[in-house]
Amino acid sequence: MKPKICVIGSSNIDQFSYVDDIPGDGETVFGNSYETGFGGKGANQAIMAGLLGAETIMITCLGSDIFAESTIENYKANGVNVDFVQRVDGSSGVAPIWVDSTGQNRIIVIPGANNLIDSDKAITSIEQIDDLSVLVGQCEIPMEVNQAVFEYARSQDITTIFNPAPAQKLEKDFLEHVDWLIPNENEFEVISGLEINDENLIEFKNQITCELIVTLGEKGAALISNDAVAYFEAPKVDAIDTTGAGDAFIGAFAFGLASSKSVDESIKIAIEKASLSVTKKGTQSSYIN
């Protein structure tokens, strides 16, 4: 039986502008190229899990615009179940993205329909999914929806993974329903109010009830457990576009856990997939080898 993963979260259309240097205030620059693609943190994580072979179910909300149908077709093409996609009038989510010559990015997320996802419908959807192993969420949908859905999932002994991106402070009562919290370095500093070092990683871990992994970009990832920090190195690659690398990590880690792999092995798989993703342009398009 395939591992079964449900992702609740965002679906966006990514709009990429590739430039040598990101413009400063009041500055106009010429770009090198422009592309559109499918994105949204939830969507990206679901696609990665699906590409790795998980039976992946997406709970998201789309609008009534031209982007909605193409988004649904993209999910289907990548093996992601769309039976529980919600629809509302109005615009779907979009994300203008600037990428400079080093592969670093700046992103503006305009949520659109993502802000209108219905928590009661989402819980009803999860009730209909038999043998669900893992639920994954992020901060690109309202936190009250995550709160309700994660609370329900934990009550059903479903393993929960939360990626706190875009970064924001998290309530302690929400974290009680999270098994794995996985921020990147910047997100960790926002959530904890601490600079990132071993002492602070351990201090924050001791303040929460969930497990903690911090992704470190080209440096790999850190697992904080038993008053110690274990580092997992990333392979050296030529980065072209780092957009979506964190989502590749989350989707691959979820696949590892749902496949009953060890935590260490799941982290190594996640780092491998995230590292490969930065060697290509785009978000979901960079996940396909």
Protein backbone atom coordinates (compact mmCIF):
# COMPACT_ATOMS: atom_id res chain seq x y z
CA MET A 1 0.00 0.00 0.00
CA LYS A 2 1.29 3.46 -0.89
CA PRO A 3 1.91 5.87 2.00
CA LYS A 4 -1.04 8.24 2.27
CA ILE A 5 -0.43 11.97 2.84
CA CYS A 6 -2.89 14.85 3.01
CA VAL A 7 -1.70 18.42 2.47
CA ILE A 8 -3.91 21.32 3.50
CA GLY A 9 -2.68 24.63 2.18
CA SER A 10 -2.22 27.07 -0.62
CA SER A 11 -2.34 26.90 -4.40
CA ASN A 12 -0.80 29.77 -6.36
CA ILE A 13 0.24 30.69 -9.85
CA ASP A 14 3.92 31.70 -9.67
CA GLN A 15 5.03 34.59 -11.89
CA PHE A 16 8.84 34.56 -12.22
CA SER A 17 11.01 37.50 -13.26
CA TYR A 18 14.70 36.60 -13.66
CA VAL A 19 17.12 39.54 -13.29
CA ASP A 20 20.84 40.04 -12.71
CA ASP A 21 20.20 42.16 -9.62
CA ILE A 22 17.00 42.87 -7.69
CA PRO A 23 16.08 46.57 -8.14
CA GLY A 24 16.36 48.92 -5.18
CA ASP A 25 13.84 51.57 -4.13
CA GLY A 26 12.81 53.67 -7.12
CA GLU A 27 15.06 51.73 -9.47
CA THR A 28 14.07 50.19 -12.81
CA VAL A 29 16.09 47.33 -14.27
CA PHE A 30 15.80 45.13 -17.35
CA GLY A 31 14.94 41.51 -16.73
CA ASN A 32 16.41 38.52 -18.50
CA SER A 33 13.28 36.33 -18.77
CA TYR A 34 9.75 35.83 -17.49
CA GLU A 35 7.93 32.58 -16.78
CA THR A 36 4.77 31.38 -15.09
CA GLY A 37 4.32 28.15 -13.20
CA PHE A 38 2.29 26.37 -10.56
CA GLY A 39 3.13 27.05 -6.94
CA GLY A 40 1.89 27.72 -3.44
CA LYS A 41 3.61 26.08 -0.50
CA GLY A 42 0.87 23.54 0.01
CA ALA A 43 0.73 22.66 -3.66
CA ASN A 44 4.51 22.35 -3.91
CA GLN A 45 4.70 20.02 -0.93
CA ALA A 46 1.88 17.87 -2.26
CA ILE A 47 3.49 17.61 -5.70
CA MET A 48 6.83 16.55 -4.23
CA ALA A 49 5.20 13.86 -2.07
CA GLY A 50 3.21 12.66 -5.07
CA LEU A 51 6.26 12.52 -7.33
CA LEU A 52 8.01 10.34 -4.76
CA GLY A 53 5.17 7.83 -4.89
CA ALA A 54 2.86 8.76 -2.03
CA GLU A 55 -0.91 8.70 -2.43
CA THR A 56 -1.33 12.43 -1.93
CA ILE A 57 -4.59 14.28 -1.30
CA MET A 58 -4.77 18.09 -1.60
CA ILE A 59 -7.20 20.23 0.39
CA THR A 60 -7.06 23.76 -0.97
CA CYS A 61 -9.34 26.55 -2.19
CA LEU A 62 -9.40 27.92 -5.72
CA GLY A 63 -11.26 30.84 -7.28
CA SER A 64 -13.42 31.20 -10.36
CA ASP A 65 -10.68 32.58 -12.61
CA ILE A 66 -8.72 31.03 -15.48
CA PHE A 67 -6.01 29.79 -13.12
CA ALA A 68 -8.29 27.43 -11.19
CA GLU A 69 -8.91 24.81 -13.86
CA SER A 70 -5.28 24.72 -14.96
CA THR A 71 -4.24 24.26 -11.33
CA ILE A 72 -6.59 21.29 -10.94
CA GLU A 73 -5.27 19.74 -14.16
CA ASN A 74 -1.72 20.20 -12.91
CA TYR A 75 -2.54 18.34 -9.70
CA LYS A 76 -4.06 15.49 -11.68
CA ALA A 77 -1.08 15.32 -14.03
CA ASN A 78 1.22 14.89 -11.04
CA GLY A 79 -0.86 12.22 -9.33
CA VAL A 80 -2.42 14.41 -6.62
CA ASN A 81 -6.03 13.70 -5.64
CA VAL A 82 -8.32 16.73 -6.11
CA ASP A 83 -11.58 15.30 -4.76
CA PHE A 84 -11.53 17.74 -1.83
CA VAL A 85 -10.53 20.97 -3.58
CA GLN A 86 -12.86 23.80 -2.51
CA ARG A 87 -14.09 26.50 -4.93
CA VAL A 88 -15.22 30.10 -4.32
CA ASP A 89 -16.01 33.12 -6.48
CA GLY A 90 -13.09 35.48 -7.06
CA SER A 91 -9.40 35.15 -7.76
CA SER A 92 -7.09 32.23 -7.05
CA GLY A 93 -3.76 32.85 -5.34
CA VAL A 94 -0.82 34.37 -7.22
CA ALA A 95 2.83 34.96 -6.31
CA PRO A 96 5.09 37.40 -8.21
CA ILE A 97 8.69 36.19 -7.72
CA TRP A 98 11.99 37.94 -8.46
CA VAL A 99 15.06 35.74 -8.87
CA ASP A 100 18.57 37.24 -9.11
CA SER A 101 21.70 35.87 -10.76
CA THR A 102 22.76 33.99 -7.61
CA GLY A 103 19.44 32.11 -7.46
CA GLN A 104 18.16 34.04 -4.44
CA ASN A 105 14.53 35.16 -4.56
CA ARG A 106 12.05 37.75 -3.32
CA ILE A 107 8.39 36.69 -3.23
CA ILE A 108 5.06 38.49 -2.77
CA VAL A 109 2.14 36.15 -2.03
CA ILE A 110 -1.37 37.40 -2.86
CA PRO A 111 -3.59 34.74 -1.24
CA GLY A 112 -6.93 35.27 -3.02
CA ALA A 113 -9.05 32.14 -2.56
CA ASN A 114 -6.49 30.66 -0.17
CA ASN A 115 -7.88 32.98 2.51
CA LEU A 116 -11.38 31.53 2.06
CA ILE A 117 -10.73 27.85 2.73
CA ASP A 118 -13.43 26.36 4.99
CA SER A 119 -12.18 24.44 8.04
CA ASP A 120 -15.42 22.49 8.55
CA LYS A 121 -15.32 21.25 4.95
CA ALA A 122 -11.64 20.41 5.38
CA ILE A 123 -12.31 18.30 8.48
CA THR A 124 -15.19 16.54 6.72
CA SER A 125 -12.77 15.77 3.88
CA ILE A 126 -10.18 14.27 6.22
CA GLU A 127 -12.90 12.13 7.83
CA GLN A 128 -13.42 10.52 4.43
CA ILE A 129 -9.74 9.60 3.89
CA ASP A 130 -9.05 6.08 5.15
CA ASP A 131 -5.63 5.10 6.55
CA LEU A 132 -4.21 8.63 6.42
CA SER A 133 -0.64 8.62 7.76
CA VAL A 134 0.50 12.24 7.64
CA LEU A 135 -1.09 15.70 7.48
CA VAL A 136 1.01 18.65 6.30
CA GLY A 137 0.24 22.36 6.68
CA GLN A 138 1.76 25.84 6.31
CA CYS A 139 0.96 29.52 7.03
CA GLU A 140 -0.40 30.46 3.59
CA ILE A 141 -3.97 29.76 4.71
CA PRO A 142 -5.67 31.26 7.80
CA MET A 143 -4.23 29.96 11.06
CA GLU A 144 -7.70 29.37 12.50
CA VAL A 145 -8.20 26.79 9.75
CA ASN A 146 -4.88 25.12 10.58
CA GLN A 147 -5.82 25.15 14.26
CA ALA A 148 -9.11 23.33 13.71
CA VAL A 149 -7.75 20.82 11.20
CA PHE A 150 -4.57 19.98 13.13
CA GLU A 151 -6.53 19.54 16.34
CA TYR A 152 -8.81 17.08 14.58
CA ALA A 153 -5.92 15.23 12.96
CA ARG A 154 -4.11 14.73 16.26
CA SER A 155 -7.33 13.43 17.82
CA GLN A 156 -7.27 10.73 15.10
CA ASP A 157 -3.59 9.82 15.71
CA ILE A 158 -2.54 11.26 12.36
CA THR A 159 1.08 12.47 12.31
CA THR A 160 1.15 16.24 11.74
CA ILE A 161 3.90 18.30 10.09
CA PHE A 162 3.79 22.09 10.12
CA ASN A 163 5.96 24.39 8.02
CA PRO A 164 5.60 27.91 9.54
CA ALA A 165 6.02 29.82 6.29
CA PRO A 166 5.58 32.68 5.66
CA ALA A 167 7.02 33.23 9.12
CA GLN A 168 4.78 34.28 11.97
CA LYS A 169 4.50 33.76 15.70
CA LEU A 170 2.67 30.56 16.62
CA GLU A 171 0.38 30.05 19.60
CA LYS A 172 1.47 27.39 22.08
CA ASP A 173 -1.96 25.73 22.00
CA PHE A 174 -1.55 25.27 18.24
CA LEU A 175 1.89 23.70 18.63
CA GLU A 176 0.35 21.13 20.98
CA HIS A 177 -1.31 19.64 17.88
CA VAL A 178 1.92 19.55 15.84
CA ASP A 179 4.23 16.52 15.80
CA TRP A 180 6.95 18.04 13.61
CA LEU A 181 7.69 21.76 13.34
CA ILE A 182 10.01 22.55 10.40
CA PRO A 183 11.02 26.22 9.91
CA ASN A 184 13.97 27.55 7.98
CA GLU A 185 16.58 29.80 9.63
CA ASN A 186 14.65 33.05 9.18
CA GLU A 187 11.38 31.48 10.26
CA PHE A 188 13.03 30.04 13.37
CA GLU A 189 14.22 33.50 14.42
CA VAL A 190 10.75 35.01 13.93
CA ILE A 191 8.99 32.19 15.80
CA SER A 192 11.44 31.94 18.69
CA GLY A 193 12.70 35.52 18.92
CA LEU A 194 16.20 34.02 19.15
CA GLU A 195 19.27 34.09 16.95
CA ILE A 196 20.10 30.72 15.48
CA ASN A 197 22.84 28.85 17.33
CA ASP A 198 23.01 25.52 19.13
CA GLU A 199 22.17 26.94 22.54
CA ASN A 200 19.12 28.79 21.28
CA LEU A 201 17.91 25.87 19.17
CA ILE A 202 17.97 23.67 22.28
CA GLU A 203 16.37 26.37 24.42
CA PHE A 204 13.46 26.75 22.01
CA LYS A 205 13.05 23.00 21.59
CA ASN A 206 12.66 22.69 25.36
CA GLN A 207 9.86 25.27 25.25
CA ILE A 208 7.67 23.29 22.85
CA THR A 209 6.10 19.85 22.89
CA CYS A 210 6.71 18.97 19.20
CA GLU A 211 9.79 17.71 17.41
CA LEU A 212 11.94 20.36 15.72
CA ILE A 213 13.92 20.43 12.47
CA VAL A 214 15.43 23.66 11.11
CA THR A 215 16.37 23.74 7.42
CA LEU A 216 19.63 25.57 6.69
CA GLY A 217 19.64 26.05 2.93
CA GLU A 218 22.94 25.03 1.35
CA LYS A 219 24.15 23.89 4.79
CA GLY A 220 21.49 21.15 5.04
CA ALA A 221 19.32 20.80 8.14
CA ALA A 222 19.47 20.49 11.92
CA LEU A 223 17.52 18.03 14.07
CA ILE A 224 17.14 19.23 17.65
CA SER A 225 16.51 16.41 20.13
CA ASN A 226 17.59 15.26 23.60
CA ASP A 227 19.36 18.57 24.38
CA ALA A 228 21.58 18.18 21.32
CA VAL A 229 21.73 19.42 17.73
CA ALA A 230 22.45 16.92 14.96
CA TYR A 231 23.50 18.42 11.63
CA PHE A 232 22.81 16.84 8.24
CA GLU A 233 24.94 18.20 5.41
CA ALA A 234 23.67 19.04 1.93
CA PRO A 235 25.56 18.12 -1.24
CA LYS A 236 27.33 20.97 -3.03
CA VAL A 237 25.38 22.00 -6.12
CA ASP A 238 25.27 24.95 -8.52
CA ALA A 239 22.18 26.87 -7.42
CA ILE A 240 20.14 28.44 -10.20
CA ASP A 241 16.84 29.10 -8.41
CA THR A 242 16.16 28.39 -4.73
CA THR A 243 12.40 28.95 -5.02
CA GLY A 244 10.47 25.98 -3.62
CA ALA A 245 13.48 24.20 -2.11
CA GLY A 246 12.00 24.34 1.38
CA ASP A 247 8.74 22.91 0.08
CA ALA A 248 10.65 20.09 -1.61
CA PHE A 249 12.19 19.30 1.78
CA ILE A 250 8.81 19.22 3.54
CA GLY A 251 7.13 17.06 0.90
CA ALA A 252 10.01 14.60 0.83
CA PHE A 253 10.26 14.44 4.62
CA ALA A 254 6.52 13.74 4.83
CA PHE A 255 6.97 10.96 2.29
CA GLY A 256 9.78 9.46 4.39
CA LEU A 257 7.75 9.46 7.60
CA ALA A 258 4.64 8.11 5.86
CA SER A 259 6.79 5.32 4.37
CA SER A 260 7.93 4.28 7.88
CA LYS A 261 11.51 5.36 7.23
CA SER A 262 13.63 6.51 10.16
CA VAL A 263 13.80 10.22 10.99
CA ASP A 264 17.44 10.40 9.89
CA GLU A 265 16.70 8.68 6.60
CA SER A 266 13.69 10.92 6.00
CA ILE A 267 15.83 14.03 6.56
CA LYS A 268 18.49 12.75 4.15
CA ILE A 269 15.88 12.11 1.45
CA ALA A 270 14.45 15.58 2.03
CA ILE A 271 17.86 17.27 1.73
CA GLU A 272 18.61 15.36 -1.46
CA LYS A 273 15.36 16.44 -3.13
CA ALA A 274 15.66 20.04 -1.94
CA SER A 275 19.25 20.24 -3.20
CA LEU A 276 18.32 18.88 -6.63
CA SER A 277 15.48 21.38 -6.92
CA VAL A 278 17.76 24.43 -6.76
CA THR A 279 19.69 23.28 -9.83
CA LYS A 280 16.73 24.12 -12.10
CA LYS A 281 14.50 27.12 -12.72
CA GLY A 282 10.97 27.22 -11.40
CA THR A 283 9.19 25.66 -8.47
CA GLN A 284 7.30 22.44 -9.16
CA SER A 285 9.01 22.14 -12.54
CA SER A 286 12.34 21.86 -10.71
CA TYR A 287 11.16 18.77 -8.81
CA ILE A 288 11.03 16.57 -11.90
CA ASN A 289 14.35 14.83 -12.58
